[in-house]
Protein backbone atom coordinates (compact mmCIF):
# COMPACT_ATOMS: atom_id res chain seq x y z
CA UNK A 1 91.76 92.84 121.53
CA UNK A 2 88.01 93.15 122.33
CA UNK A 3 88.07 96.99 122.26
CA UNK A 4 90.01 96.84 119.08
CA UNK A 5 87.33 94.54 117.41
CA UNK A 6 84.60 96.86 118.60
CA UNK A 7 86.40 100.00 117.35
CA UNK A 8 87.24 98.56 113.97
CA UNK A 9 83.60 97.49 113.35
CA UNK A 10 82.34 101.04 114.28
CA UNK A 11 85.06 102.63 111.98
CA UNK A 12 84.15 100.41 109.04
CA UNK A 13 80.43 101.38 109.50
CA UNK A 14 81.11 104.89 110.06
CA UNK A 15 83.29 105.25 106.99
CA UNK A 16 80.34 103.59 105.00
CA UNK A 17 77.84 105.99 106.34
CA UNK A 18 79.75 109.47 106.20
CA UNK A 19 77.51 111.69 104.03
CA UNK A 20 78.95 113.82 101.24
CA UNK A 21 78.37 116.92 103.24
CA UNK A 22 81.06 115.88 105.57
CA UNK A 23 83.68 116.81 103.00
CA UNK A 24 82.58 120.49 103.59
CA UNK A 25 81.82 120.62 107.35
CA UNK A 26 83.55 120.38 110.47
CA UNK A 27 82.06 118.76 113.60
CA UNK A 28 82.35 116.51 116.52
CA UNK A 29 79.75 114.03 117.58
CA UNK A 30 79.82 112.11 120.99
CA UNK A 31 77.92 108.90 121.35
CA UNK A 32 77.49 106.85 124.56
CA UNK A 33 76.08 103.30 124.60
CA UNK A 34 76.29 100.06 126.53
CA UNK A 35 77.54 96.63 125.33
CA UNK A 36 75.71 93.88 127.34
CA UNK A 37 77.19 90.54 128.18
CA UNK A 38 75.73 88.95 125.01
CA UNK A 39 77.18 91.71 122.74
CA UNK A 40 74.00 93.53 122.20
CA UNK A 41 73.94 97.29 122.57
CA UNK A 42 71.53 99.20 124.64
CA UNK A 43 70.56 102.88 125.08
CA UNK A 44 72.67 104.32 122.17
CA UNK A 45 72.36 108.10 122.36
CA UNK A 46 74.16 111.25 120.96
CA UNK A 47 75.41 113.34 124.07
CA UNK A 48 77.23 116.24 121.92
CA UNK A 49 75.94 116.70 118.46
CA UNK A 50 77.76 118.52 115.59
CA UNK A 51 74.88 120.89 114.77
CA UNK A 52 74.51 119.08 111.31
CA UNK A 53 71.92 116.30 111.35
CA UNK A 54 73.66 114.14 108.70
CA UNK A 55 76.77 114.06 110.61
CA UNK A 56 75.03 113.10 113.80
CA UNK A 57 72.95 110.37 112.04
CA UNK A 58 76.24 108.80 110.55
CA UNK A 59 77.95 108.78 113.88
CA UNK A 60 74.74 107.23 115.62
CA UNK A 61 74.22 104.79 112.69
CA UNK A 62 77.82 103.61 112.81
CA UNK A 63 76.92 102.18 116.57
CA UNK A 64 73.50 100.76 115.64
CA UNK A 65 74.80 99.15 112.42
CA UNK A 66 77.53 97.48 114.43
CA UNK A 67 74.94 95.71 116.82
CA UNK A 68 75.50 93.05 118.05
CA UNK A 69 79.10 93.10 118.95
CA UNK A 70 80.82 89.92 119.84
CA UNK A 71 80.04 88.74 123.56
CA UNK A 72 81.97 90.45 126.23
CA UNK A 73 85.11 88.28 127.03
CA UNK A 74 84.81 85.52 129.50
CA UNK A 75 87.45 87.08 131.84
CA UNK A 76 85.70 90.55 131.92
CA UNK A 77 84.42 91.40 135.44
CA UNK A 78 81.13 92.91 134.82
CA UNK A 79 77.77 92.34 133.16
CA UNK A 80 78.23 95.32 130.65
CA UNK A 81 80.61 97.81 129.22
CA UNK A 82 79.79 101.47 129.03
CA UNK A 83 81.52 103.42 126.17
CA UNK A 84 81.75 106.79 124.87
CA UNK A 85 82.83 107.20 121.22
CA UNK A 86 83.82 110.65 119.75
CA UNK A 87 83.62 111.16 115.83
CA UNK A 88 85.54 113.93 114.37
CA UNK A 89 84.92 115.52 110.96
CA UNK A 90 87.55 117.62 109.29
CA UNK A 91 89.16 118.46 112.72
CA UNK A 92 92.86 118.00 113.41
CA UNK A 93 93.39 115.94 116.60
């Protein structure tokens, strides 16, 4: 359930940030980041860019606009959660 909340928030923000150019471009952007115990994010970065700056910015922005996430679940065994999210533009899975 926690990851579903995280992904739903990222997806909502991504859809609101996708630029008009995305209709005409194909691309893949990979962003990694850490969710701290308190739900805050740290060290978000694009590790694979699409080659099109607006697409990269929308993917990165969907992570930063989602900050903070809910606190990590109390039964989570760790102090942080590292995630890698792949954003696809006009690419069939």
